[in-house]
Amino acid sequence: MCVVSDQNESILKATSIVYPGMPHYFCMWHIWTNIRAKFKKGHLKLSELYFATARSYTIDEFNERMSKIEEIDPRVKAYLYDIGYHRWFRVHATVNRTWTMTSNITRPLNAVTKYARELPIVELLEYMRTLLERWTKEKLLKAKGTFTYLGYKFNKELDDNRTLSHKLKVRGSTDYIHTVIDGVRRYIVCLENKRCSCGQFQLDELPCPHALAALRHKDESFEQCCSPYYTRANLLRTYEIPVNLLPDESKWNVPQHKTEEVVNPPKGGKRQPGRPQKERYKTYDEINSKKYKVSCGNCRGEGHNKRSCKNAPKKK
């Protein structure tokens, strides 16, 4: 178990108090937005390379890609080094981050409660409670509709790896150790320790194509080589605890001193001019990716309209 967040110091401090001793890592997306803002040079070349570096499965892959980042902009390499490789790079992490990520639900809650936030506090809390109740029920029904050993996402990844494994050749050394040949490359798979020299097997805790080829060579199933957290059984356990139901307001047992208590608005503070901000501030990349593109009605091209179109046939 670990915590993944942005680099906000208050989050670092709070998690160290609530979860003492738990590893704390940084979200690779937030690091990239910082790089995008701080270092303008070569950011178009860096984008794909940076994410490939963060997802590297071996030290050699990581070092090779970091060298390419240094060639494009040495400042970016220094910035990533100062953050700490173990905080964002998969291989250097002290625990396996694997495929099970429980994302912070603040953003989706902000979106769906945009108008509900205008309600009084009790009605707002009830709205959010019923919302979470509905979400939990929907997720539970979806989990019950899964009939594979693994959950949908993990089963799809396994199927993709299985497809890749069919073109590989296997040579057995012992009952557990195999050499898997992929074109001109060789990989060593140890089924007993659930490891592969590609790094994917032990870090994802899901059989990689090389491990699946070795399992097929031995005519063994994949179930024992997968993390138990990926299974349908554990997926059902995630949603087995219901959101507590709330009786009708007439049945509430409220203490006398609470009913007589008067809650006043906070003192002091000056309201800022203009309309209050309701939506979160989006990063440049989010805005740019969803930016509306103008298209032309004459030539169907983008970036201009009918009036400024230079491709329209001239009138005689």
Protein backbone atom coordinates (compact mmCIF):
# COMPACT_ATOMS: atom_id res chain seq x y z
CA MET A 1 0.00 0.00 0.00
CA CYS A 2 1.21 3.51 -0.81
CA VAL A 3 -0.02 7.07 -1.34
CA VAL A 4 0.26 8.82 -4.72
CA SER A 5 -0.38 12.57 -4.96
CA ASP A 6 1.01 15.80 -6.37
CA GLN A 7 3.96 17.55 -4.67
CA ASN A 8 1.88 19.71 -2.33
CA GLU A 9 3.71 19.99 0.99
CA SER A 10 0.50 19.95 3.05
CA ILE A 11 -0.41 16.55 1.55
CA LEU A 12 3.05 15.21 2.39
CA LYS A 13 2.72 16.42 5.97
CA ALA A 14 -0.85 15.15 6.46
CA THR A 15 -0.20 11.67 5.06
CA SER A 16 2.91 11.27 7.23
CA ILE A 17 0.69 11.89 10.28
CA VAL A 18 -2.29 9.76 9.25
CA TYR A 19 -0.23 6.99 7.61
CA PRO A 20 3.16 7.01 9.41
CA GLY A 21 5.83 5.04 7.61
CA MET A 22 3.78 4.54 4.44
CA PRO A 23 5.65 5.20 1.15
CA HIS A 24 4.58 8.41 -0.58
CA TYR A 25 4.99 8.77 -4.34
CA PHE A 26 4.24 11.53 -6.82
CA CYS A 27 1.78 11.37 -9.72
CA MET A 28 3.68 11.27 -13.02
CA TRP A 29 1.02 13.45 -14.67
CA HIS A 30 1.46 16.26 -12.14
CA ILE A 31 5.24 16.09 -12.52
CA TRP A 32 4.84 16.41 -16.29
CA THR A 33 2.61 19.50 -15.97
CA ASN A 34 5.34 21.08 -13.81
CA ILE A 35 7.97 20.25 -16.44
CA ARG A 36 5.69 21.66 -19.12
CA ALA A 37 5.38 24.94 -17.21
CA LYS A 38 9.02 25.28 -16.06
CA PHE A 39 10.92 24.14 -19.14
CA LYS A 40 9.52 25.31 -22.47
CA LYS A 41 12.46 23.99 -24.49
CA GLY A 42 11.78 20.69 -26.25
CA HIS A 43 8.58 19.87 -24.35
CA LEU A 44 7.00 18.37 -27.49
CA LYS A 45 9.88 15.89 -27.80
CA LEU A 46 9.92 15.23 -24.05
CA SER A 47 6.27 14.26 -23.53
CA GLU A 48 6.30 10.70 -24.88
CA LEU A 49 9.86 10.10 -23.70
CA TYR A 50 9.13 11.22 -20.13
CA PHE A 51 6.12 8.91 -19.68
CA ALA A 52 8.04 6.00 -21.22
CA THR A 53 10.86 6.69 -18.72
CA ALA A 54 8.46 6.74 -15.76
CA ARG A 55 6.93 3.41 -16.87
CA SER A 56 10.27 1.66 -17.51
CA TYR A 57 10.45 -1.88 -16.10
CA THR A 58 14.25 -2.13 -15.82
CA ILE A 59 17.14 0.09 -14.70
CA ASP A 60 18.79 -0.22 -18.13
CA GLU A 61 15.67 1.05 -19.91
CA PHE A 62 15.42 3.91 -17.43
CA ASN A 63 19.07 4.99 -17.81
CA GLU A 64 18.87 4.86 -21.59
CA ARG A 65 15.76 7.08 -21.68
CA MET A 66 17.13 9.48 -19.07
CA SER A 67 20.20 9.97 -21.30
CA LYS A 68 17.89 10.98 -24.16
CA ILE A 69 16.06 13.43 -21.85
CA GLU A 70 19.43 14.94 -20.89
CA GLU A 71 20.31 15.42 -24.57
CA ILE A 72 17.08 17.36 -25.14
CA ASP A 73 17.25 19.47 -21.96
CA PRO A 74 19.74 18.80 -19.09
CA ARG A 75 17.64 20.93 -16.71
CA VAL A 76 14.78 18.41 -16.88
CA LYS A 77 17.06 15.56 -15.80
CA ALA A 78 18.33 17.66 -12.87
CA TYR A 79 14.74 18.51 -11.88
CA LEU A 80 13.69 14.84 -11.94
CA TYR A 81 16.78 13.87 -9.93
CA ASP A 82 15.98 16.46 -7.25
CA ILE A 83 12.43 15.07 -6.90
CA GLY A 84 13.87 11.62 -6.23
CA TYR A 85 13.73 8.75 -8.70
CA HIS A 86 11.98 6.49 -6.17
CA ARG A 87 9.02 8.91 -5.99
CA TRP A 88 7.98 8.61 -9.65
CA PHE A 89 9.99 5.82 -11.31
CA ARG A 90 8.46 2.36 -11.11
CA VAL A 91 11.61 0.25 -10.58
CA HIS A 92 13.07 2.49 -7.84
CA ALA A 93 9.81 2.45 -5.81
CA THR A 94 10.04 0.62 -2.48
CA VAL A 95 6.70 -1.16 -3.06
CA ASN A 96 5.00 -2.42 -6.21
CA ARG A 97 2.43 0.15 -7.33
CA THR A 98 0.99 -2.54 -9.68
CA TRP A 99 -2.32 -2.00 -11.48
CA THR A 100 -4.61 -1.37 -8.52
CA MET A 101 -4.99 2.38 -8.10
CA THR A 102 -7.77 3.86 -5.97
CA SER A 103 -8.01 7.35 -7.43
CA ASN A 104 -9.07 10.36 -5.42
CA ILE A 105 -12.79 10.90 -6.15
CA THR A 106 -12.67 14.65 -5.44
CA ARG A 107 -12.69 15.60 -9.11
CA PRO A 108 -15.72 13.51 -10.16
CA LEU A 109 -17.53 14.65 -7.01
CA ASN A 110 -16.81 18.28 -7.88
CA ALA A 111 -18.32 17.76 -11.32
CA VAL A 112 -21.54 16.03 -10.25
CA THR A 113 -22.15 18.25 -7.21
CA LYS A 114 -21.67 21.51 -9.11
CA TYR A 115 -25.28 22.64 -8.60
CA ALA A 116 -25.95 20.67 -5.41
CA ARG A 117 -23.36 22.82 -3.62
CA GLU A 118 -25.92 25.63 -3.56
CA LEU A 119 -28.12 23.54 -1.22
CA PRO A 120 -28.13 23.87 2.60
CA ILE A 121 -25.51 21.71 4.30
CA VAL A 122 -27.86 18.89 5.41
CA GLU A 123 -29.42 18.55 1.94
CA LEU A 124 -25.95 18.66 0.35
CA LEU A 125 -24.68 15.85 2.57
CA GLU A 126 -27.76 13.77 1.85
CA TYR A 127 -27.31 14.34 -1.88
CA MET A 128 -23.70 13.14 -1.68
CA ARG A 129 -24.65 10.14 0.47
CA THR A 130 -27.28 8.95 -2.02
CA LEU A 131 -24.81 9.58 -4.85
CA LEU A 132 -22.18 7.34 -3.24
CA GLU A 133 -24.88 4.77 -2.48
CA ARG A 134 -25.86 4.66 -6.16
CA TRP A 135 -22.25 4.46 -7.34
CA THR A 136 -21.47 1.59 -4.96
CA LYS A 137 -24.54 -0.34 -6.16
CA GLU A 138 -23.63 0.18 -9.83
CA LYS A 139 -20.03 -0.96 -9.25
CA LEU A 140 -21.24 -4.02 -7.33
CA LEU A 141 -23.59 -5.04 -10.15
CA LYS A 142 -20.77 -4.59 -12.67
CA ALA A 143 -18.45 -6.74 -10.52
CA LYS A 144 -21.14 -9.45 -10.25
CA GLY A 145 -21.44 -9.37 -14.04
CA THR A 146 -17.78 -10.38 -14.34
CA PHE A 147 -17.44 -14.13 -14.96
CA THR A 148 -13.68 -14.39 -15.47
CA TYR A 149 -11.13 -15.23 -12.78
CA LEU A 150 -9.71 -11.72 -12.96
CA GLY A 151 -11.50 -8.39 -13.12
CA TYR A 152 -12.28 -6.90 -16.53
CA LYS A 153 -9.26 -4.54 -16.76
CA PHE A 154 -6.76 -7.16 -15.63
CA ASN A 155 -8.28 -9.91 -17.76
CA LYS A 156 -7.97 -7.69 -20.85
CA GLU A 157 -4.30 -7.03 -20.09
CA LEU A 158 -3.75 -10.76 -19.64
CA ASP A 159 -5.46 -11.49 -23.00
CA ASP A 160 -3.20 -8.94 -24.73
CA ASN A 161 -0.13 -10.59 -23.19
CA ARG A 162 -1.41 -14.02 -24.19
CA THR A 163 -1.73 -12.90 -27.82
CA LEU A 164 1.89 -11.69 -27.78
CA SER A 165 3.09 -14.92 -26.18
CA HIS A 166 2.06 -17.13 -29.12
CA LYS A 167 5.00 -16.00 -31.28
CA LEU A 168 7.61 -16.79 -28.59
CA LYS A 169 9.82 -19.87 -28.35
CA VAL A 170 10.55 -21.55 -25.00
CA ARG A 171 13.48 -23.65 -23.81
CA GLY A 172 13.15 -25.27 -20.40
CA SER A 173 16.20 -25.33 -18.12
CA THR A 174 14.60 -26.70 -14.92
CA ASP A 175 11.02 -27.24 -13.78
CA TYR A 176 10.69 -23.53 -13.01
CA ILE A 177 13.38 -21.69 -15.01
CA HIS A 178 12.87 -21.15 -18.74
CA THR A 179 14.55 -19.24 -21.53
CA VAL A 180 12.05 -17.43 -23.74
CA ILE A 181 13.22 -16.28 -27.18
CA ASP A 182 11.54 -13.24 -28.73
CA GLY A 183 13.17 -12.66 -32.12
CA VAL A 184 16.80 -11.81 -31.37
CA ARG A 185 16.22 -11.22 -27.64
CA ARG A 186 16.28 -13.71 -24.79
CA TYR A 187 14.41 -13.47 -21.52
CA ILE A 188 14.77 -15.61 -18.40
CA VAL A 189 11.56 -16.57 -16.58
CA CYS A 190 11.41 -18.07 -13.09
CA LEU A 191 7.88 -19.31 -12.41
CA GLU A 192 8.67 -20.25 -8.81
CA ASN A 193 9.65 -16.68 -7.84
CA LYS A 194 7.28 -15.08 -10.37
CA ARG A 195 10.05 -13.11 -12.03
CA CYS A 196 11.11 -12.29 -15.58
CA SER A 197 14.21 -10.45 -16.79
CA CYS A 198 11.92 -8.01 -18.64
CA GLY A 199 10.77 -6.76 -15.21
CA GLN A 200 7.07 -6.75 -16.06
CA PHE A 201 6.10 -10.03 -14.35
CA GLN A 202 7.29 -9.09 -10.85
CA LEU A 203 6.32 -5.40 -10.95
CA ASP A 204 2.82 -5.73 -12.43
CA GLU A 205 2.22 -8.99 -10.52
CA LEU A 206 0.56 -10.29 -13.67
CA PRO A 207 2.12 -12.80 -16.11
CA CYS A 208 3.97 -11.04 -18.94
CA PRO A 209 4.02 -12.56 -22.48
CA HIS A 210 7.25 -14.44 -21.63
CA ALA A 211 5.77 -15.93 -18.44
CA LEU A 212 2.61 -16.97 -20.29
CA ALA A 213 4.71 -18.69 -22.94
CA ALA A 214 6.56 -20.59 -20.20
CA LEU A 215 3.26 -21.54 -18.50
CA ARG A 216 1.87 -22.83 -21.80
CA HIS A 217 5.10 -24.81 -22.33
CA LYS A 218 4.54 -26.50 -18.94
CA ASP A 219 0.78 -26.78 -19.54
CA GLU A 220 0.04 -24.88 -16.31
CA SER A 221 -2.66 -22.29 -15.57
CA PHE A 222 -1.99 -18.61 -14.88
CA GLU A 223 -4.15 -18.21 -11.73
CA GLN A 224 -1.38 -18.75 -9.18
CA CYS A 225 0.84 -16.18 -10.92
CA CYS A 226 -1.59 -13.26 -10.56
CA SER A 227 -1.94 -10.88 -7.65
CA PRO A 228 -4.99 -11.82 -5.51
CA TYR A 229 -6.04 -8.15 -5.62
CA TYR A 230 -6.85 -8.53 -9.33
CA THR A 231 -9.34 -11.36 -8.84
CA ARG A 232 -13.11 -11.13 -9.20
CA ALA A 233 -13.49 -12.31 -5.58
CA ASN A 234 -11.56 -9.33 -4.23
CA LEU A 235 -13.34 -7.00 -6.63
CA LEU A 236 -16.66 -8.09 -5.05
CA ARG A 237 -15.22 -7.55 -1.56
CA THR A 238 -14.41 -3.94 -2.49
CA TYR A 239 -18.11 -3.09 -2.74
CA GLU A 240 -19.60 -5.48 -0.19
CA ILE A 241 -19.80 -2.81 2.55
CA PRO A 242 -22.93 -0.70 1.89
CA VAL A 243 -23.22 3.03 2.34
CA ASN A 244 -25.10 3.52 5.62
CA LEU A 245 -28.78 4.25 5.08
CA LEU A 246 -30.41 7.27 6.67
CA PRO A 247 -33.94 7.18 8.09
CA ASP A 248 -36.51 9.90 7.51
CA GLU A 249 -35.76 13.21 9.20
CA SER A 250 -38.78 12.78 11.51
CA LYS A 251 -37.07 9.71 13.01
CA TRP A 252 -33.79 11.46 13.82
CA ASN A 253 -32.77 11.45 17.48
CA VAL A 254 -31.22 14.91 17.85
CA PRO A 255 -30.09 16.04 21.36
CA GLN A 256 -31.98 19.01 22.82
CA HIS A 257 -28.89 21.23 23.11
CA LYS A 258 -28.20 20.75 19.39
CA THR A 259 -31.68 21.73 18.27
CA GLU A 260 -31.41 24.97 20.24
CA GLU A 261 -27.94 25.80 18.95
CA VAL A 262 -27.75 28.71 16.49
CA VAL A 263 -25.11 28.47 13.78
CA ASN A 264 -24.03 31.87 12.47
CA PRO A 265 -22.02 32.56 9.33
CA PRO A 266 -18.27 33.03 9.84
CA LYS A 267 -17.16 36.50 10.92
CA GLY A 268 -14.81 38.65 8.92
CA GLY A 269 -13.56 37.95 5.46
CA LYS A 270 -14.34 39.95 2.39
CA ARG A 271 -16.14 38.51 -0.58
CA GLN A 272 -14.09 38.79 -3.73
CA PRO A 273 -15.57 40.66 -6.71
CA GLY A 274 -17.12 38.67 -9.54
CA ARG A 275 -18.77 35.28 -9.60
CA PRO A 276 -17.32 32.60 -7.31
CA GLN A 277 -15.16 29.97 -8.97
CA LYS A 278 -17.14 26.70 -9.31
CA GLU A 279 -14.90 24.60 -11.52
CA ARG A 280 -11.30 23.69 -10.75
CA TYR A 281 -8.49 25.41 -12.61
CA LYS A 282 -7.37 23.21 -15.49
CA THR A 283 -3.79 22.78 -16.67
CA TYR A 284 -2.59 23.97 -20.05
CA ASP A 285 -2.50 20.42 -21.44
CA GLU A 286 -6.11 19.72 -20.41
CA ILE A 287 -7.35 22.94 -22.01
CA ASN A 288 -5.29 22.43 -25.15
CA SER A 289 -6.43 18.83 -25.64
CA LYS A 290 -10.11 19.82 -25.61
CA LYS A 291 -9.81 23.11 -27.44
CA TYR A 292 -12.52 23.61 -30.05
CA LYS A 293 -11.18 23.60 -33.61
CA VAL A 294 -12.81 25.83 -36.22
CA SER A 295 -13.62 24.03 -39.48
CA CYS A 296 -14.46 25.44 -42.89
CA GLY A 297 -17.82 24.83 -44.57
CA ASN A 298 -16.30 25.06 -48.08
CA CYS A 299 -13.24 22.83 -48.05
CA ARG A 300 -13.79 21.04 -44.71
CA GLY A 301 -10.34 22.14 -43.59
CA GLU A 302 -9.49 23.15 -40.01
CA GLY A 303 -8.17 26.44 -38.66
CA HIS A 304 -10.31 28.78 -40.77
CA ASN A 305 -13.95 29.42 -41.71
CA LYS A 306 -15.93 30.09 -44.91
CA ARG A 307 -15.13 33.80 -45.01
CA SER A 308 -11.36 33.37 -44.74
CA CYS A 309 -11.17 30.24 -46.90
CA LYS A 310 -8.56 30.46 -49.68
CA ASN A 311 -9.50 27.09 -51.21
CA ALA A 312 -12.97 28.15 -52.38
CA PRO A 313 -13.43 28.35 -56.20
CA LYS A 314 -13.14 31.90 -57.51
CA LYS A 315 -16.15 33.53 -59.10
CA LYS A 316 -15.86 34.31 -62.84
